[in-house]
Amino acid sequence: DTLDDCMHLKNLYLDKNELGGELSVLGQLPFLEGVFIQNNEFEGDFHTLTDYFDDIMILDASNNLLGGTLPLEFFEKDRLKVLDLNGNKIEGVLPDFPDNDHLEYLALHNNAFRNDVPA
């Protein structure tokens, strides 16, 4: 894979293309802080990304074909400031969000959540 040669990449901009496939390939890039992959055709279970991105600050994966559920563990990322997942196929219930003093922007609209917004 070509991403193997970019081990220390901090920011990845692939937005507004016609890229597809599973996002697990991004697990090869452990030092990513900013991931901008919006407006593509990436698919798979968003939950698989929980094991990656320990340093993530910004993840914009809006307007893709991501499914699965929204894992509570992703909100426990210490540096997460921006999470935009609008326009995907994420379903289930919204988790009771943990305390996160760093999160500044959260966009989850246009998905398939089923419950009330947690207090």
PDB file of N, CA and C in Angstrom:
ATOM      1  N   ASP A   1       0.827  -1.192   0.000  1.00  0.00           N
ATOM      2  CA  ASP A   1       0.000   0.000   0.000  1.00  0.00           C
ATOM      3  C   ASP A   1       0.868   1.250   0.000  1.00  0.00           C
ATOM      4  N   THR A   2       0.421   2.281  -0.656  1.00  0.00           N
ATOM      5  CA  THR A   2       1.190   3.512  -0.721  1.00  0.00           C
ATOM      6  C   THR A   2       1.170   4.282   0.589  1.00  0.00           C
ATOM      7  N   LEU A   3       0.156   4.109   1.409  1.00  0.00           N
ATOM      8  CA  LEU A   3       0.100   4.813   2.684  1.00  0.00           C
ATOM      9  C   LEU A   3       1.144   4.318   3.676  1.00  0.00           C
ATOM     10  N   ASP A   4       1.666   3.115   3.457  1.00  0.00           N
ATOM     11  CA  ASP A   4       2.712   2.597   4.340  1.00  0.00           C
ATOM     12  C   ASP A   4       3.928   3.508   4.388  1.00  0.00           C
ATOM     13  N   ASP A   5       4.173   4.233   3.308  1.00  0.00           N
ATOM     14  CA  ASP A   5       5.342   5.110   3.225  1.00  0.00           C
ATOM     15  C   ASP A   5       5.112   6.463   3.886  1.00  0.00           C
ATOM     16  N   CYS A   6       3.942   6.700   4.422  1.00  0.00           N
ATOM     17  CA  CYS A   6       3.588   7.992   5.023  1.00  0.00           C
ATOM     18  C   CYS A   6       3.341   7.850   6.520  1.00  0.00           C
ATOM     19  N   MET A   7       4.131   7.058   7.160  1.00  0.00           N
ATOM     20  CA  MET A   7       3.931   6.679   8.549  1.00  0.00           C
ATOM     21  C   MET A   7       3.732   7.860   9.501  1.00  0.00           C
ATOM     22  N   HIS A   8       4.400   8.982   9.261  1.00  0.00           N
ATOM     23  CA  HIS A   8       4.345  10.119  10.188  1.00  0.00           C
ATOM     24  C   HIS A   8       3.443  11.244   9.706  1.00  0.00           C
ATOM     25  N   LEU A   9       2.552  10.938   8.779  1.00  0.00           N
ATOM     26  CA  LEU A   9       1.619  11.922   8.251  1.00  0.00           C
ATOM     27  C   LEU A   9       0.721  12.453   9.372  1.00  0.00           C
ATOM     28  N   LYS A  10       0.563  13.772   9.440  1.00  0.00           N
ATOM     29  CA  LYS A  10      -0.262  14.397  10.474  1.00  0.00           C
ATOM     30  C   LYS A  10      -1.641  14.800   9.957  1.00  0.00           C
ATOM     31  N   ASN A  11      -1.723  15.234   8.696  1.00  0.00           N
ATOM     32  CA  ASN A  11      -2.989  15.680   8.119  1.00  0.00           C
ATOM     33  C   ASN A  11      -3.195  15.022   6.769  1.00  0.00           C
ATOM     34  N   LEU A  12      -4.432  14.598   6.514  1.00  0.00           N
ATOM     35  CA  LEU A  12      -4.770  13.903   5.279  1.00  0.00           C
ATOM     36  C   LEU A  12      -5.992  14.569   4.660  1.00  0.00           C
ATOM     37  N   TYR A  13      -5.816  15.112   3.465  1.00  0.00           N
ATOM     38  CA  TYR A  13      -6.894  15.777   2.734  1.00  0.00           C
ATOM     39  C   TYR A  13      -7.216  14.975   1.483  1.00  0.00           C
ATOM     40  N   LEU A  14      -8.356  14.303   1.493  1.00  0.00           N
ATOM     41  CA  LEU A  14      -8.821  13.534   0.337  1.00  0.00           C
ATOM     42  C   LEU A  14     -10.255  13.909  -0.020  1.00  0.00           C
ATOM     43  N   ASP A  15     -10.709  15.051   0.464  1.00  0.00           N
ATOM     44  CA  ASP A  15     -12.102  15.440   0.295  1.00  0.00           C
ATOM     45  C   ASP A  15     -12.455  15.742  -1.164  1.00  0.00           C
ATOM     46  N   LYS A  16     -13.754  15.577  -1.459  1.00  0.00           N
ATOM     47  CA  LYS A  16     -14.356  15.906  -2.746  1.00  0.00           C
ATOM     48  C   LYS A  16     -13.720  15.147  -3.910  1.00  0.00           C
ATOM     49  N   ASN A  17     -13.638  13.847  -3.758  1.00  0.00           N
ATOM     50  CA  ASN A  17     -13.198  12.965  -4.823  1.00  0.00           C
ATOM     51  C   ASN A  17     -14.280  11.910  -5.025  1.00  0.00           C
ATOM     52  N   GLU A  18     -13.937  10.848  -5.651  1.00  0.00           N
ATOM     53  CA  GLU A  18     -14.852   9.712  -5.802  1.00  0.00           C
ATOM     54  C   GLU A  18     -14.192   8.465  -5.222  1.00  0.00           C
ATOM     55  N   LEU A  19     -13.528   8.657  -4.077  1.00  0.00           N
ATOM     56  CA  LEU A  19     -12.802   7.567  -3.436  1.00  0.00           C
ATOM     57  C   LEU A  19     -13.760   6.678  -2.658  1.00  0.00           C
ATOM     58  N   GLY A  20     -13.438   5.413  -2.580  1.00  0.00           N
ATOM     59  CA  GLY A  20     -14.276   4.480  -1.862  1.00  0.00           C
ATOM     60  C   GLY A  20     -13.441   3.460  -1.130  1.00  0.00           C
ATOM     61  N   GLY A  21     -14.117   2.456  -0.607  1.00  0.00           N
ATOM     62  CA  GLY A  21     -13.444   1.397   0.125  1.00  0.00           C
ATOM     63  C   GLY A  21     -13.623   1.554   1.617  1.00  0.00           C
ATOM     64  N   GLU A  22     -12.936   0.696   2.334  1.00  0.00           N
ATOM     65  CA  GLU A  22     -13.015   0.674   3.799  1.00  0.00           C
ATOM     66  C   GLU A  22     -12.029   1.668   4.410  1.00  0.00           C
ATOM     67  N   LEU A  23     -12.409   2.300   5.489  1.00  0.00           N
ATOM     68  CA  LEU A  23     -11.536   3.265   6.158  1.00  0.00           C
ATOM     69  C   LEU A  23     -10.471   2.621   7.033  1.00  0.00           C
ATOM     70  N   SER A  24     -10.533   1.321   7.217  1.00  0.00           N
ATOM     71  CA  SER A  24      -9.539   0.661   8.068  1.00  0.00           C
ATOM     72  C   SER A  24      -8.127   0.852   7.534  1.00  0.00           C
ATOM     73  N   VAL A  25      -7.980   1.169   6.260  1.00  0.00           N
ATOM     74  CA  VAL A  25      -6.653   1.413   5.685  1.00  0.00           C
ATOM     75  C   VAL A  25      -5.975   2.605   6.372  1.00  0.00           C
ATOM     76  N   LEU A  26      -6.758   3.519   6.934  1.00  0.00           N
ATOM     77  CA  LEU A  26      -6.183   4.673   7.613  1.00  0.00           C
ATOM     78  C   LEU A  26      -5.531   4.293   8.941  1.00  0.00           C
ATOM     79  N   GLY A  27      -5.781   3.096   9.414  1.00  0.00           N
ATOM     80  CA  GLY A  27      -5.143   2.616  10.635  1.00  0.00           C
ATOM     81  C   GLY A  27      -3.630   2.489  10.492  1.00  0.00           C
ATOM     82  N   GLN A  28      -3.138   2.530   9.267  1.00  0.00           N
ATOM     83  CA  GLN A  28      -1.697   2.476   9.009  1.00  0.00           C
ATOM     84  C   GLN A  28      -1.021   3.802   9.327  1.00  0.00           C
ATOM     85  N   LEU A  29      -1.815   4.832   9.617  1.00  0.00           N
ATOM     86  CA  LEU A  29      -1.302   6.181   9.853  1.00  0.00           C
ATOM     87  C   LEU A  29      -1.610   6.600  11.285  1.00  0.00           C
ATOM     88  N   PRO A  30      -0.835   6.118  12.247  1.00  0.00           N
ATOM     89  CA  PRO A  30      -1.186   6.302  13.659  1.00  0.00           C
ATOM     90  C   PRO A  30      -1.043   7.719  14.195  1.00  0.00           C
ATOM     91  N   PHE A  31      -0.363   8.609  13.457  1.00  0.00           N
ATOM     92  CA  PHE A  31      -0.118   9.950  13.990  1.00  0.00           C
ATOM     93  C   PHE A  31      -1.025  11.023  13.384  1.00  0.00           C
ATOM     94  N   LEU A  32      -2.073  10.603  12.687  1.00  0.00           N
ATOM     95  CA  LEU A  32      -2.972  11.573  12.073  1.00  0.00           C
ATOM     96  C   LEU A  32      -3.652  12.447  13.121  1.00  0.00           C
ATOM     97  N   GLU A  33      -3.660  13.741  12.864  1.00  0.00           N
ATOM     98  CA  GLU A  33      -4.360  14.702  13.705  1.00  0.00           C
ATOM     99  C   GLU A  33      -5.569  15.286  12.990  1.00  0.00           C
ATOM    100  N   GLY A  34      -5.488  15.408  11.678  1.00  0.00           N
ATOM    101  CA  GLY A  34      -6.581  15.947  10.883  1.00  0.00           C
ATOM    102  C   GLY A  34      -6.875  15.027   9.710  1.00  0.00           C
ATOM    103  N   VAL A  35      -8.115  14.574   9.602  1.00  0.00           N
ATOM    104  CA  VAL A  35      -8.531  13.694   8.513  1.00  0.00           C
ATOM    105  C   VAL A  35      -9.738  14.348   7.836  1.00  0.00           C
ATOM    106  N   PHE A  36      -9.570  14.663   6.563  1.00  0.00           N
ATOM    107  CA  PHE A  36     -10.594  15.348   5.786  1.00  0.00           C
ATOM    108  C   PHE A  36     -10.944  14.473   4.588  1.00  0.00           C
ATOM    109  N   ILE A  37     -11.972  13.665   4.738  1.00  0.00           N
ATOM    110  CA  ILE A  37     -12.344  12.700   3.694  1.00  0.00           C
ATOM    111  C   ILE A  37     -13.795  12.881   3.274  1.00  0.00           C
ATOM    112  N   GLN A  38     -14.342  14.062   3.512  1.00  0.00           N
ATOM    113  CA  GLN A  38     -15.740  14.313   3.214  1.00  0.00           C
ATOM    114  C   GLN A  38     -16.015  14.270   1.710  1.00  0.00           C
ATOM    115  N   ASN A  39     -17.287  13.999   1.395  1.00  0.00           N
ATOM    116  CA  ASN A  39     -17.769  13.990   0.017  1.00  0.00           C
ATOM    117  C   ASN A  39     -17.040  12.966  -0.852  1.00  0.00           C
ATOM    118  N   ASN A  40     -17.026  11.735  -0.378  1.00  0.00           N
ATOM    119  CA  ASN A  40     -16.478  10.604  -1.115  1.00  0.00           C
ATOM    120  C   ASN A  40     -17.473   9.459  -1.046  1.00  0.00           C
ATOM    121  N   GLU A  41     -17.001   8.255  -1.240  1.00  0.00           N
ATOM    122  CA  GLU A  41     -17.858   7.073  -1.191  1.00  0.00           C
ATOM    123  C   GLU A  41     -17.276   6.012  -0.268  1.00  0.00           C
ATOM    124  N   PHE A  42     -16.600   6.458   0.801  1.00  0.00           N
ATOM    125  CA  PHE A  42     -16.057   5.518   1.770  1.00  0.00           C
ATOM    126  C   PHE A  42     -17.208   4.804   2.471  1.00  0.00           C
ATOM    127  N   GLU A  43     -17.000   3.528   2.752  1.00  0.00           N
ATOM    128  CA  GLU A  43     -18.051   2.737   3.382  1.00  0.00           C
ATOM    129  C   GLU A  43     -17.463   1.888   4.487  1.00  0.00           C
ATOM    130  N   GLY A  44     -18.317   1.157   5.122  1.00  0.00           N
ATOM    131  CA  GLY A  44     -17.890   0.298   6.214  1.00  0.00           C
ATOM    132  C   GLY A  44     -18.463   0.779   7.522  1.00  0.00           C
ATOM    133  N   ASP A  45     -18.070   0.114   8.567  1.00  0.00           N
ATOM    134  CA  ASP A  45     -18.569   0.369   9.911  1.00  0.00           C
ATOM    135  C   ASP A  45     -17.705   1.432  10.577  1.00  0.00           C
ATOM    136  N   PHE A  46     -18.301   2.559  10.934  1.00  0.00           N
ATOM    137  CA  PHE A  46     -17.553   3.629  11.598  1.00  0.00           C
ATOM    138  C   PHE A  46     -16.910   3.133  12.888  1.00  0.00           C
ATOM    139  N   HIS A  47     -17.531   2.195  13.538  1.00  0.00           N
ATOM    140  CA  HIS A  47     -17.040   1.683  14.818  1.00  0.00           C
ATOM    141  C   HIS A  47     -15.600   1.146  14.706  1.00  0.00           C
ATOM    142  N   THR A  48     -15.198   0.683  13.525  1.00  0.00           N
ATOM    143  CA  THR A  48     -13.843   0.143  13.365  1.00  0.00           C
ATOM    144  C   THR A  48     -12.773   1.204  13.558  1.00  0.00           C
ATOM    145  N   LEU A  49     -13.120   2.477  13.431  1.00  0.00           N
ATOM    146  CA  LEU A  49     -12.129   3.542  13.579  1.00  0.00           C
ATOM    147  C   LEU A  49     -11.781   3.832  15.037  1.00  0.00           C
ATOM    148  N   THR A  50     -12.510   3.274  15.952  1.00  0.00           N
ATOM    149  CA  THR A  50     -12.271   3.531  17.370  1.00  0.00           C
ATOM    150  C   THR A  50     -10.866   3.134  17.796  1.00  0.00           C
ATOM    151  N   ASP A  51     -10.333   2.099  17.201  1.00  0.00           N
ATOM    152  CA  ASP A  51      -9.005   1.616  17.582  1.00  0.00           C
ATOM    153  C   ASP A  51      -7.870   2.464  17.022  1.00  0.00           C
ATOM    154  N   TYR A  52      -8.187   3.375  16.124  1.00  0.00           N
ATOM    155  CA  TYR A  52      -7.164   4.191  15.475  1.00  0.00           C
ATOM    156  C   TYR A  52      -7.239   5.628  15.976  1.00  0.00           C
ATOM    157  N   PHE A  53      -6.327   6.422  15.495  1.00  0.00           N
ATOM    158  CA  PHE A  53      -6.359   7.876  15.681  1.00  0.00           C
ATOM    159  C   PHE A  53      -6.262   8.310  17.134  1.00  0.00           C
ATOM    160  N   ASP A  54      -5.266   7.882  17.833  1.00  0.00           N
ATOM    161  CA  ASP A  54      -5.090   8.321  19.216  1.00  0.00           C
ATOM    162  C   ASP A  54      -4.864   9.827  19.318  1.00  0.00           C
ATOM    163  N   ASP A  55      -4.265  10.437  18.273  1.00  0.00           N
ATOM    164  CA  ASP A  55      -3.951  11.862  18.294  1.00  0.00           C
ATOM    165  C   ASP A  55      -4.970  12.711  17.532  1.00  0.00           C
ATOM    166  N   ILE A  56      -6.077  12.124  17.104  1.00  0.00           N
ATOM    167  CA  ILE A  56      -7.014  12.820  16.225  1.00  0.00           C
ATOM    168  C   ILE A  56      -7.577  14.071  16.884  1.00  0.00           C
ATOM    169  N   MET A  57      -7.574  15.165  16.129  1.00  0.00           N
ATOM    170  CA  MET A  57      -8.160  16.430  16.570  1.00  0.00           C
ATOM    171  C   MET A  57      -9.377  16.779  15.712  1.00  0.00           C
ATOM    172  N   ILE A  58      -9.291  16.485  14.417  1.00  0.00           N
ATOM    173  CA  ILE A  58     -10.371  16.808  13.485  1.00  0.00           C
ATOM    174  C   ILE A  58     -10.629  15.608  12.593  1.00  0.00           C
ATOM    175  N   LEU A  59     -11.872  15.163  12.555  1.00  0.00           N
ATOM    176  CA  LEU A  59     -12.285  14.124  11.614  1.00  0.00           C
ATOM    177  C   LEU A  59     -13.533  14.610  10.902  1.00  0.00           C
ATOM    178  N   ASP A  60     -13.389  14.859   9.602  1.00  0.00           N
ATOM    179  CA  ASP A  60     -14.537  15.208   8.771  1.00  0.00           C
ATOM    180  C   ASP A  60     -14.726  14.082   7.772  1.00  0.00           C
ATOM    181  N   ALA A  61     -15.690  13.217   8.063  1.00  0.00           N
ATOM    182  CA  ALA A  61     -16.033  12.097   7.185  1.00  0.00           C
ATOM    183  C   ALA A  61     -17.471  12.256   6.708  1.00  0.00           C
ATOM    184  N   SER A  62     -17.911  13.482   6.595  1.00  0.00           N
ATOM    185  CA  SER A  62     -19.296  13.742   6.198  1.00  0.00           C
ATOM    186  C   SER A  62     -19.540  13.351   4.746  1.00  0.00           C
ATOM    187  N   ASN A  63     -20.796  13.027   4.475  1.00  0.00           N
ATOM    188  CA  ASN A  63     -21.245  12.704   3.126  1.00  0.00           C
ATOM    189  C   ASN A  63     -20.461  11.564   2.489  1.00  0.00           C
ATOM    190  N   ASN A  64     -20.468  10.451   3.181  1.00  0.00           N
ATOM    191  CA  ASN A  64     -19.908   9.199   2.693  1.00  0.00           C
ATOM    192  C   ASN A  64     -20.981   8.122   2.854  1.00  0.00           C
ATOM    193  N   LEU A  65     -20.575   6.883   2.894  1.00  0.00           N
ATOM    194  CA  LEU A  65     -21.507   5.766   3.033  1.00  0.00           C
ATOM    195  C   LEU A  65     -21.221   4.962   4.294  1.00  0.00           C
ATOM    196  N   LEU A  66     -20.709   5.625   5.315  1.00  0.00           N
ATOM    197  CA  LEU A  66     -20.343   4.943   6.555  1.00  0.00           C
ATOM    198  C   LEU A  66     -21.588   4.498   7.309  1.00  0.00           C
ATOM    199  N   GLY A  67     -21.523   3.315   7.863  1.00  0.00           N
ATOM    200  CA  GLY A  67     -22.640   2.768   8.618  1.00  0.00           C
ATOM    201  C   GLY A  67     -22.207   2.334   9.992  1.00  0.00           C
ATOM    202  N   GLY A  68     -22.981   1.439  10.564  1.00  0.00           N
ATOM    203  CA  GLY A  68     -22.682   0.948  11.903  1.00  0.00           C
ATOM    204  C   GLY A  68     -23.228   1.881  12.959  1.00  0.00           C
ATOM    205  N   THR A  69     -22.647   1.805  14.121  1.00  0.00           N
ATOM    206  CA  THR A  69     -23.097   2.613  15.250  1.00  0.00           C
ATOM    207  C   THR A  69     -22.030   3.631  15.624  1.00  0.00           C
ATOM    208  N   LEU A  70     -22.412   4.547  16.484  1.00  0.00           N
ATOM    209  CA  LEU A  70     -21.501   5.579  16.962  1.00  0.00           C
ATOM    210  C   LEU A  70     -20.923   5.128  18.298  1.00  0.00           C
ATOM    211  N   PRO A  71     -19.641   4.767  18.325  1.00  0.00           N
ATOM    212  CA  PRO A  71     -19.065   4.237  19.562  1.00  0.00           C
ATOM    213  C   PRO A  71     -18.747   5.328  20.579  1.00  0.00           C
ATOM    214  N   LEU A  72     -19.139   5.092  21.803  1.00  0.00           N
ATOM    215  CA  LEU A  72     -18.839   6.009  22.892  1.00  0.00           C
ATOM    216  C   LEU A  72     -17.333   6.225  23.032  1.00  0.00           C
ATOM    217  N   GLU A  73     -16.555   5.193  22.774  1.00  0.00           N
ATOM    218  CA  GLU A  73     -15.098   5.266  22.939  1.00  0.00           C
ATOM    219  C   GLU A  73     -14.460   6.343  22.060  1.00  0.00           C
ATOM    220  N   PHE A  74     -15.067   6.643  20.923  1.00  0.00           N
ATOM    221  CA  PHE A  74     -14.476   7.647  20.047  1.00  0.00           C
ATOM    222  C   PHE A  74     -14.490   9.027  20.703  1.00  0.00           C
ATOM    223  N   PHE A  75     -15.484   9.283  21.535  1.00  0.00           N
ATOM    224  CA  PHE A  75     -15.580  10.573  22.206  1.00  0.00           C
ATOM    225  C   PHE A  75     -14.609  10.686  23.376  1.00  0.00           C
ATOM    226  N   GLU A  76     -13.956   9.609  23.708  1.00  0.00           N
ATOM    227  CA  GLU A  76     -12.975   9.628  24.787  1.00  0.00           C
ATOM    228  C   GLU A  76     -11.578   9.950  24.280  1.00  0.00           C
ATOM    229  N   LYS A  77     -11.445  10.240  22.989  1.00  0.00           N
ATOM    230  CA  LYS A  77     -10.160  10.670  22.432  1.00  0.00           C
ATOM    231  C   LYS A  77      -9.810  12.010  23.057  1.00  0.00           C
ATOM    232  N   ASP A  78      -8.666  12.093  23.693  1.00  0.00           N
ATOM    233  CA  ASP A  78      -8.286  13.263  24.479  1.00  0.00           C
ATOM    234  C   ASP A  78      -8.201  14.558  23.687  1.00  0.00           C
ATOM    235  N   ARG A  79      -7.857  14.472  22.411  1.00  0.00           N
ATOM    236  CA  ARG A  79      -7.603  15.687  21.646  1.00  0.00           C
ATOM    237  C   ARG A  79      -8.698  16.022  20.633  1.00  0.00           C
ATOM    238  N   LEU A  80      -9.761  15.239  20.571  1.00  0.00           N
ATOM    239  CA  LEU A  80     -10.803  15.425  19.578  1.00  0.00           C
ATOM    240  C   LEU A  80     -11.509  16.776  19.750  1.00  0.00           C
ATOM    241  N   LYS A  81     -11.452  17.619  18.703  1.00  0.00           N
ATOM    242  CA  LYS A  81     -12.099  18.926  18.732  1.00  0.00           C
ATOM    243  C   LYS A  81     -13.275  19.002  17.767  1.00  0.00           C
ATOM    244  N   VAL A  82     -13.150  18.352  16.605  1.00  0.00           N
ATOM    245  CA  VAL A  82     -14.166  18.445  15.565  1.00  0.00           C
ATOM    246  C   VAL A  82     -14.505  17.050  15.074  1.00  0.00           C
ATOM    247  N   LEU A  83     -15.787  16.711  15.090  1.00  0.00           N
ATOM    248  CA  LEU A  83     -16.255  15.446  14.540  1.00  0.00           C
ATOM    249  C   LEU A  83     -17.472  15.726  13.679  1.00  0.00           C
ATOM    250  N   ASP A  84     -17.319  15.534  12.368  1.00  0.00           N
ATOM    251  CA  ASP A  84     -18.413  15.761  11.428  1.00  0.00           C
ATOM    252  C   ASP A  84     -18.682  14.464  10.687  1.00  0.00           C
ATOM    253  N   LEU A  85     -19.815  13.849  11.005  1.00  0.00           N
ATOM    254  CA  LEU A  85     -20.228  12.587  10.388  1.00  0.00           C
ATOM    255  C   LEU A  85     -21.573  12.735   9.691  1.00  0.00           C
ATOM    256  N   ASN A  86     -22.002  13.948   9.414  1.00  0.00           N
ATOM    257  CA  ASN A  86     -23.314  14.133   8.808  1.00  0.00           C
ATOM    258  C   ASN A  86     -23.362  13.497   7.429  1.00  0.00           C
ATOM    259  N   GLY A  87     -24.571  13.076   7.036  1.00  0.00           N
ATOM    260  CA  GLY A  87     -24.762  12.536   5.704  1.00  0.00           C
ATOM    261  C   GLY A  87     -24.191  11.149   5.490  1.00  0.00           C
ATOM    262  N   ASN A  88     -24.249  10.310   6.497  1.00  0.00           N
ATOM    263  CA  ASN A  88     -23.808   8.925   6.383  1.00  0.00           C
ATOM    264  C   ASN A  88     -24.994   8.007   6.686  1.00  0.00           C
ATOM    265  N   LYS A  89     -24.709   6.765   7.024  1.00  0.00           N
ATOM    266  CA  LYS A  89     -25.751   5.787   7.340  1.00  0.00           C
ATOM    267  C   LYS A  89     -25.583   5.240   8.752  1.00  0.00           C
ATOM    268  N   ILE A  90     -25.024   6.048   9.637  1.00  0.00           N
ATOM    269  CA  ILE A  90     -24.777   5.610  11.006  1.00  0.00           C
ATOM    270  C   ILE A  90     -26.119   5.502  11.719  1.00  0.00           C
ATOM    271  N   GLU A  91     -26.309   4.424  12.468  1.00  0.00           N
ATOM    272  CA  GLU A  91     -27.613   4.151  13.066  1.00  0.00           C
ATOM    273  C   GLU A  91     -27.484   3.803  14.540  1.00  0.00           C
ATOM    274  N   GLY A  92     -28.592   3.405  15.097  1.00  0.00           N
ATOM    275  CA  GLY A  92     -28.613   3.030  16.505  1.00  0.00           C
ATOM    276  C   GLY A  92     -28.999   4.213  17.363  1.00  0.00           C
ATOM    277  N   VAL A  93     -28.531   4.201  18.578  1.00  0.00           N
ATOM    278  CA  VAL A  93     -28.872   5.262  19.523  1.00  0.00           C
ATOM    279  C   VAL A  93     -27.659   6.156  19.744  1.00  0.00           C
ATOM    280  N   LEU A  94     -27.932   7.403  20.028  1.00  0.00           N
ATOM    281  CA  LEU A  94     -26.854   8.314  20.400  1.00  0.00           C
ATOM    282  C   LEU A  94     -26.369   7.929  21.790  1.00  0.00           C
ATOM    283  N   PRO A  95     -25.068   7.837  21.983  1.00  0.00           N
ATOM    284  CA  PRO A  95     -24.571   7.470  23.311  1.00  0.00           C
ATOM    285  C   PRO A  95     -24.707   8.630  24.292  1.00  0.00           C
ATOM    286  N   ASP A  96     -24.665   8.326  25.578  1.00  0.00           N
ATOM    287  CA  ASP A  96     -24.523   9.371  26.579  1.00  0.00           C
ATOM    288  C   ASP A  96     -23.082   9.849  26.484  1.00  0.00           C
ATOM    289  N   PHE A  97     -22.902  11.029  25.962  1.00  0.00           N
ATOM    290  CA  PHE A  97     -21.561  11.514  25.687  1.00  0.00           C
ATOM    291  C   PHE A  97     -20.768  11.717  26.978  1.00  0.00           C
ATOM    292  N   PRO A  98     -19.528  11.249  27.002  1.00  0.00           N
ATOM    293  CA  PRO A  98     -18.695  11.461  28.190  1.00  0.00           C
ATOM    294  C   PRO A  98     -18.208  12.904  28.242  1.00  0.00           C
ATOM    295  N   ASP A  99     -17.684  13.298  29.388  1.00  0.00           N
ATOM    296  CA  ASP A  99     -17.069  14.623  29.492  1.00  0.00           C
ATOM    297  C   ASP A  99     -15.922  14.712  28.500  1.00  0.00           C
ATOM    298  N   ASN A 100     -15.927  15.772  27.713  1.00  0.00           N
ATOM    299  CA  ASN A 100     -14.848  16.013  26.756  1.00  0.00           C
ATOM    300  C   ASN A 100     -14.692  17.520  26.665  1.00  0.00           C
ATOM    301  N   ASP A 101     -13.692  18.040  27.351  1.00  0.00           N
ATOM    302  CA  ASP A 101     -13.472  19.484  27.387  1.00  0.00           C
ATOM    303  C   ASP A 101     -12.929  20.033  26.079  1.00  0.00           C
ATOM    304  N   HIS A 102     -12.504  19.169  25.170  1.00  0.00           N
ATOM    305  CA  HIS A 102     -11.888  19.623  23.932  1.00  0.00           C
ATOM    306  C   HIS A 102     -12.859  19.699  22.759  1.00  0.00           C
ATOM    307  N   LEU A 103     -13.933  18.927  22.787  1.00  0.00           N
ATOM    308  CA  LEU A 103     -14.854  18.872  21.663  1.00  0.00           C
ATOM    309  C   LEU A 103     -15.542  20.226  21.465  1.00  0.00           C
ATOM    310  N   GLU A 104     -15.374  20.798  20.253  1.00  0.00           N
ATOM    311  CA  GLU A 104     -15.928  22.111  19.942  1.00  0.00           C
ATOM    312  C   GLU A 104     -17.021  22.046  18.877  1.00  0.00           C
ATOM    313  N   TYR A 105     -17.000  21.028  18.031  1.00  0.00           N
ATOM    314  CA  TYR A 105     -17.957  20.946  16.923  1.00  0.00           C
ATOM    315  C   TYR A 105     -18.355  19.496  16.717  1.00  0.00           C
ATOM    316  N   LEU A 106     -19.661  19.247  16.709  1.00  0.00           N
ATOM    317  CA  LEU A 106     -20.182  17.899  16.525  1.00  0.00           C
ATOM    318  C   LEU A 106     -21.353  17.961  15.554  1.00  0.00           C
ATOM    319  N   ALA A 107     -21.237  17.296  14.403  1.00  0.00           N
ATOM    320  CA  ALA A 107     -22.305  17.279  13.402  1.00  0.00           C
ATOM    321  C   ALA A 107     -22.668  15.833  13.099  1.00  0.00           C
ATOM    322  N   LEU A 108     -23.886  15.465  13.456  1.00  0.00           N
ATOM    323  CA  LEU A 108     -24.352  14.085  13.265  1.00  0.00           C
ATOM    324  C   LEU A 108     -25.655  14.030  12.465  1.00  0.00           C
ATOM    325  N   HIS A 109     -26.070  15.124  11.879  1.00  0.00           N
ATOM    326  CA  HIS A 109     -27.349  15.149  11.172  1.00  0.00           C
ATOM    327  C   HIS A 109     -27.302  14.311   9.892  1.00  0.00           C
ATOM    328  N   ASN A 110     -28.487  13.983   9.393  1.00  0.00           N
ATOM    329  CA  ASN A 110     -28.647  13.169   8.183  1.00  0.00           C
ATOM    330  C   ASN A 110     -28.017  11.782   8.316  1.00  0.00           C
ATOM    331  N   ASN A 111     -28.304  11.133   9.430  1.00  0.00           N
ATOM    332  CA  ASN A 111     -27.943   9.748   9.663  1.00  0.00           C
ATOM    333  C   ASN A 111     -29.228   9.003  10.028  1.00  0.00           C
ATOM    334  N   ALA A 112     -29.131   7.914  10.752  1.00  0.00           N
ATOM    335  CA  ALA A 112     -30.322   7.109  11.064  1.00  0.00           C
ATOM    336  C   ALA A 112     -30.435   6.810  12.558  1.00  0.00           C
ATOM    337  N   PHE A 113     -30.189   7.811  13.404  1.00  0.00           N
ATOM    338  CA  PHE A 113     -30.310   7.602  14.843  1.00  0.00           C
ATOM    339  C   PHE A 113     -31.770   7.496  15.248  1.00  0.00           C
ATOM    340  N   ARG A 114     -32.020   6.752  16.347  1.00  0.00           N
ATOM    341  CA  ARG A 114     -33.405   6.420  16.716  1.00  0.00           C
ATOM    342  C   ARG A 114     -33.873   6.961  18.064  1.00  0.00           C
ATOM    343  N   ASN A 115     -33.074   7.516  18.862  1.00  0.00           N
ATOM    344  CA  ASN A 115     -33.520   7.878  20.212  1.00  0.00           C
ATOM    345  C   ASN A 115     -33.550   9.394  20.417  1.00  0.00           C
ATOM    346  N   ASP A 116     -33.902   9.788  21.622  1.00  0.00           N
ATOM    347  CA  ASP A 116     -33.848  11.202  21.976  1.00  0.00           C
ATOM    348  C   ASP A 116     -32.388  11.608  22.195  1.00  0.00           C
ATOM    349  N   VAL A 117     -32.142  12.874  22.090  1.00  0.00           N
ATOM    350  CA  VAL A 117     -30.806  13.386  22.351  1.00  0.00           C
ATOM    351  C   VAL A 117     -30.518  13.216  23.834  1.00  0.00           C
ATOM    352  N   PRO A 118     -29.370  12.619  24.191  1.00  0.00           N
ATOM    353  CA  PRO A 118     -29.040  12.425  25.611  1.00  0.00           C
ATOM    354  C   PRO A 118     -28.890  13.760  26.326  1.00  0.00           C
ATOM    355  N   ALA A 119     -29.258  13.775  27.585  1.00  0.00           N
ATOM    356  CA  ALA A 119     -29.154  15.012  28.387  1.00  0.00           C
ATOM    357  C   ALA A 119     -27.714  15.289  28.740  1.00  0.00           C
TER     358      ALA A 119
END
